[in-house]
Amino acid sequence: MTAKPFELPIHWADHEDIAMGLYEKFGDDFDESKIYRIRFTDLLEWVLSLPNFAGTRDQSTEGHLEQIQSAWVYEWRDNQ
């Protein structure tokens, strides 16, 4: 996959974009059951470390993390 010349910043509400970034980062290391068992503290750190992520730790909510987790499962399923 080639890098896009210009990628917009990703924010907390961009659940699908975050999920795609996590899938690109971890691939098949996490399957559906493992994704749902990830601690939110770990998930938060992984999201904050994604390239082009512009959100802050203070803007994070449990709702965002739950939505990201679900979107990541769907991304994993789409790639199986």
N, C-alpha and C. Protein backbone atom coordinates (compact mmCIF):
# COMPACT_ATOMS: atom_id res chain seq x y z
N MET A 1 0.85 -1.17 0.00
CA MET A 1 0.00 0.00 0.00
C MET A 1 0.89 1.24 0.00
N THR A 2 0.58 2.19 -0.83
CA THR A 2 1.37 3.40 -0.90
C THR A 2 0.72 4.48 -0.06
N ALA A 3 1.55 5.35 0.46
CA ALA A 3 1.04 6.45 1.28
C ALA A 3 0.37 7.48 0.39
N LYS A 4 -0.71 8.04 0.87
CA LYS A 4 -1.39 9.09 0.13
C LYS A 4 -0.63 10.39 0.31
N PRO A 5 -0.57 11.24 -0.72
CA PRO A 5 0.18 12.47 -0.59
C PRO A 5 -0.37 13.41 0.49
N PHE A 6 -1.67 13.36 0.70
CA PHE A 6 -2.26 14.23 1.73
C PHE A 6 -3.35 13.46 2.44
N GLU A 7 -3.17 13.24 3.71
CA GLU A 7 -4.19 12.54 4.50
C GLU A 7 -4.70 13.48 5.57
N LEU A 8 -6.00 13.57 5.65
CA LEU A 8 -6.61 14.45 6.65
C LEU A 8 -6.36 13.91 8.04
N PRO A 9 -6.34 14.79 9.02
CA PRO A 9 -6.20 14.30 10.40
C PRO A 9 -7.41 13.46 10.80
N ILE A 10 -7.16 12.51 11.67
CA ILE A 10 -8.21 11.62 12.18
C ILE A 10 -8.57 12.11 13.59
N HIS A 11 -9.87 12.15 13.86
CA HIS A 11 -10.36 12.59 15.17
C HIS A 11 -11.13 11.46 15.84
N TRP A 12 -11.50 11.63 17.10
CA TRP A 12 -12.18 10.59 17.85
C TRP A 12 -13.46 10.08 17.19
N ALA A 13 -14.19 10.94 16.53
CA ALA A 13 -15.46 10.52 15.91
C ALA A 13 -15.25 9.72 14.62
N ASP A 14 -14.04 9.64 14.14
CA ASP A 14 -13.74 8.91 12.89
C ASP A 14 -13.46 7.44 13.20
N HIS A 15 -14.44 6.78 13.77
CA HIS A 15 -14.27 5.41 14.26
C HIS A 15 -13.78 4.45 13.19
N GLU A 16 -14.35 4.54 11.99
CA GLU A 16 -13.96 3.62 10.92
C GLU A 16 -12.52 3.86 10.49
N ASP A 17 -12.11 5.12 10.39
CA ASP A 17 -10.73 5.44 10.00
C ASP A 17 -9.74 4.94 11.05
N ILE A 18 -10.11 5.10 12.31
CA ILE A 18 -9.25 4.60 13.39
C ILE A 18 -9.16 3.08 13.32
N ALA A 19 -10.30 2.43 13.10
CA ALA A 19 -10.31 0.97 13.00
C ALA A 19 -9.43 0.48 11.85
N MET A 20 -9.49 1.17 10.72
CA MET A 20 -8.63 0.79 9.59
C MET A 20 -7.16 0.95 9.96
N GLY A 21 -6.85 2.02 10.66
CA GLY A 21 -5.47 2.24 11.10
C GLY A 21 -4.99 1.15 12.05
N LEU A 22 -5.86 0.74 12.97
CA LEU A 22 -5.50 -0.33 13.89
C LEU A 22 -5.33 -1.65 13.17
N TYR A 23 -6.21 -1.91 12.20
CA TYR A 23 -6.07 -3.16 11.44
C TYR A 23 -4.77 -3.14 10.63
N GLU A 24 -4.45 -2.01 10.03
CA GLU A 24 -3.19 -1.91 9.28
C GLU A 24 -1.99 -2.12 10.20
N LYS A 25 -2.08 -1.63 11.41
CA LYS A 25 -0.98 -1.73 12.37
C LYS A 25 -0.82 -3.16 12.89
N PHE A 26 -1.94 -3.82 13.22
CA PHE A 26 -1.88 -5.12 13.88
C PHE A 26 -2.26 -6.30 12.99
N GLY A 27 -2.90 -6.04 11.85
CA GLY A 27 -3.28 -7.12 10.94
C GLY A 27 -4.11 -8.17 11.63
N ASP A 28 -3.73 -9.43 11.43
CA ASP A 28 -4.49 -10.54 11.99
C ASP A 28 -3.97 -10.99 13.36
N ASP A 29 -3.13 -10.15 13.99
CA ASP A 29 -2.67 -10.48 15.35
C ASP A 29 -3.84 -10.52 16.32
N PHE A 30 -4.88 -9.75 16.00
CA PHE A 30 -6.08 -9.72 16.85
C PHE A 30 -7.27 -10.18 16.03
N ASP A 31 -7.92 -11.25 16.49
CA ASP A 31 -9.16 -11.67 15.86
C ASP A 31 -10.32 -11.06 16.64
N GLU A 32 -11.53 -11.41 16.25
CA GLU A 32 -12.71 -10.79 16.86
C GLU A 32 -12.73 -10.92 18.38
N SER A 33 -12.49 -12.12 18.89
CA SER A 33 -12.56 -12.30 20.34
C SER A 33 -11.45 -11.55 21.06
N LYS A 34 -10.27 -11.47 20.46
CA LYS A 34 -9.16 -10.74 21.10
C LYS A 34 -9.42 -9.24 21.07
N ILE A 35 -10.01 -8.74 19.99
CA ILE A 35 -10.30 -7.30 19.90
C ILE A 35 -11.25 -6.90 21.02
N TYR A 36 -12.27 -7.71 21.26
CA TYR A 36 -13.24 -7.38 22.31
C TYR A 36 -12.68 -7.54 23.72
N ARG A 37 -11.52 -8.18 23.86
CA ARG A 37 -10.91 -8.34 25.19
C ARG A 37 -9.80 -7.32 25.45
N ILE A 38 -9.54 -6.42 24.51
CA ILE A 38 -8.50 -5.40 24.69
C ILE A 38 -8.93 -4.43 25.79
N ARG A 39 -8.02 -4.16 26.70
CA ARG A 39 -8.30 -3.17 27.75
C ARG A 39 -8.38 -1.79 27.11
N PHE A 40 -9.31 -0.98 27.57
CA PHE A 40 -9.46 0.37 27.02
C PHE A 40 -8.20 1.21 27.23
N THR A 41 -7.46 0.95 28.31
CA THR A 41 -6.22 1.71 28.52
C THR A 41 -5.22 1.43 27.41
N ASP A 42 -5.14 0.17 26.96
CA ASP A 42 -4.25 -0.18 25.84
C ASP A 42 -4.78 0.40 24.54
N LEU A 43 -6.07 0.25 24.30
CA LEU A 43 -6.68 0.76 23.07
C LEU A 43 -6.46 2.26 22.95
N LEU A 44 -6.62 2.97 24.04
CA LEU A 44 -6.41 4.42 24.05
C LEU A 44 -5.00 4.77 23.59
N GLU A 45 -4.00 4.08 24.13
CA GLU A 45 -2.61 4.36 23.75
C GLU A 45 -2.36 4.05 22.28
N TRP A 46 -2.93 2.97 21.79
CA TRP A 46 -2.74 2.59 20.38
C TRP A 46 -3.36 3.62 19.45
N VAL A 47 -4.55 4.10 19.81
CA VAL A 47 -5.22 5.11 18.99
C VAL A 47 -4.38 6.39 18.96
N LEU A 48 -3.92 6.82 20.12
CA LEU A 48 -3.13 8.05 20.20
C LEU A 48 -1.85 7.96 19.39
N SER A 49 -1.34 6.75 19.17
CA SER A 49 -0.07 6.58 18.45
C SER A 49 -0.26 6.44 16.93
N LEU A 50 -1.50 6.41 16.46
CA LEU A 50 -1.73 6.27 15.01
C LEU A 50 -1.26 7.51 14.25
N PRO A 51 -0.67 7.29 13.06
CA PRO A 51 -0.29 8.44 12.24
C PRO A 51 -1.54 9.26 11.88
N ASN A 52 -1.41 10.55 11.82
CA ASN A 52 -2.49 11.47 11.46
C ASN A 52 -3.61 11.56 12.49
N PHE A 53 -3.43 10.94 13.67
CA PHE A 53 -4.47 11.07 14.69
C PHE A 53 -4.28 12.40 15.40
N ALA A 54 -5.34 13.22 15.40
CA ALA A 54 -5.25 14.57 15.93
C ALA A 54 -5.99 14.76 17.25
N GLY A 55 -6.66 13.72 17.73
CA GLY A 55 -7.39 13.83 18.99
C GLY A 55 -6.44 13.81 20.18
N THR A 56 -6.99 14.14 21.32
CA THR A 56 -6.20 14.14 22.55
C THR A 56 -6.76 13.12 23.53
N ARG A 57 -5.95 12.79 24.51
CA ARG A 57 -6.36 11.84 25.56
C ARG A 57 -7.61 12.36 26.28
N ASP A 58 -7.67 13.66 26.54
CA ASP A 58 -8.81 14.24 27.26
C ASP A 58 -10.11 14.17 26.48
N GLN A 59 -10.04 14.10 25.16
CA GLN A 59 -11.24 14.03 24.33
C GLN A 59 -11.80 12.60 24.22
N SER A 60 -11.04 11.64 24.69
CA SER A 60 -11.45 10.24 24.62
C SER A 60 -12.63 9.99 25.55
N THR A 61 -13.56 9.15 25.10
CA THR A 61 -14.66 8.70 25.96
C THR A 61 -14.79 7.19 25.84
N GLU A 62 -15.45 6.60 26.80
CA GLU A 62 -15.70 5.16 26.74
C GLU A 62 -16.54 4.83 25.50
N GLY A 63 -17.47 5.71 25.16
CA GLY A 63 -18.29 5.50 23.96
C GLY A 63 -17.47 5.45 22.69
N HIS A 64 -16.49 6.37 22.57
CA HIS A 64 -15.62 6.35 21.40
C HIS A 64 -14.84 5.03 21.35
N LEU A 65 -14.29 4.62 22.46
CA LEU A 65 -13.50 3.40 22.49
C LEU A 65 -14.34 2.17 22.14
N GLU A 66 -15.59 2.14 22.61
CA GLU A 66 -16.48 1.03 22.27
C GLU A 66 -16.77 1.02 20.77
N GLN A 67 -17.04 2.20 20.20
CA GLN A 67 -17.31 2.28 18.76
C GLN A 67 -16.09 1.88 17.94
N ILE A 68 -14.92 2.28 18.39
CA ILE A 68 -13.68 1.92 17.69
C ILE A 68 -13.48 0.40 17.73
N GLN A 69 -13.72 -0.18 18.89
CA GLN A 69 -13.59 -1.62 19.05
C GLN A 69 -14.52 -2.36 18.08
N SER A 70 -15.77 -1.94 18.01
CA SER A 70 -16.72 -2.57 17.10
C SER A 70 -16.32 -2.38 15.65
N ALA A 71 -15.90 -1.17 15.30
CA ALA A 71 -15.48 -0.90 13.91
C ALA A 71 -14.26 -1.74 13.55
N TRP A 72 -13.36 -1.95 14.50
CA TRP A 72 -12.17 -2.76 14.26
C TRP A 72 -12.58 -4.21 13.98
N VAL A 73 -13.56 -4.72 14.71
CA VAL A 73 -14.05 -6.08 14.46
C VAL A 73 -14.60 -6.18 13.03
N TYR A 74 -15.40 -5.19 12.62
CA TYR A 74 -15.94 -5.21 11.27
C TYR A 74 -14.83 -5.11 10.23
N GLU A 75 -13.81 -4.32 10.50
CA GLU A 75 -12.68 -4.21 9.58
C GLU A 75 -11.96 -5.56 9.49
N TRP A 76 -11.76 -6.22 10.63
CA TRP A 76 -11.11 -7.53 10.63
C TRP A 76 -11.94 -8.53 9.83
N ARG A 77 -13.26 -8.53 10.05
CA ARG A 77 -14.14 -9.45 9.32
C ARG A 77 -14.08 -9.21 7.82
N ASP A 78 -14.05 -7.94 7.41
CA ASP A 78 -14.00 -7.61 5.99
C ASP A 78 -12.73 -8.11 5.32
N ASN A 79 -11.69 -8.31 6.09
CA ASN A 79 -10.41 -8.72 5.54
C ASN A 79 -10.14 -10.22 5.67
N GLN A 80 -11.15 -10.96 6.10
CA GLN A 80 -10.98 -12.42 6.23
C GLN A 80 -11.44 -13.14 4.98
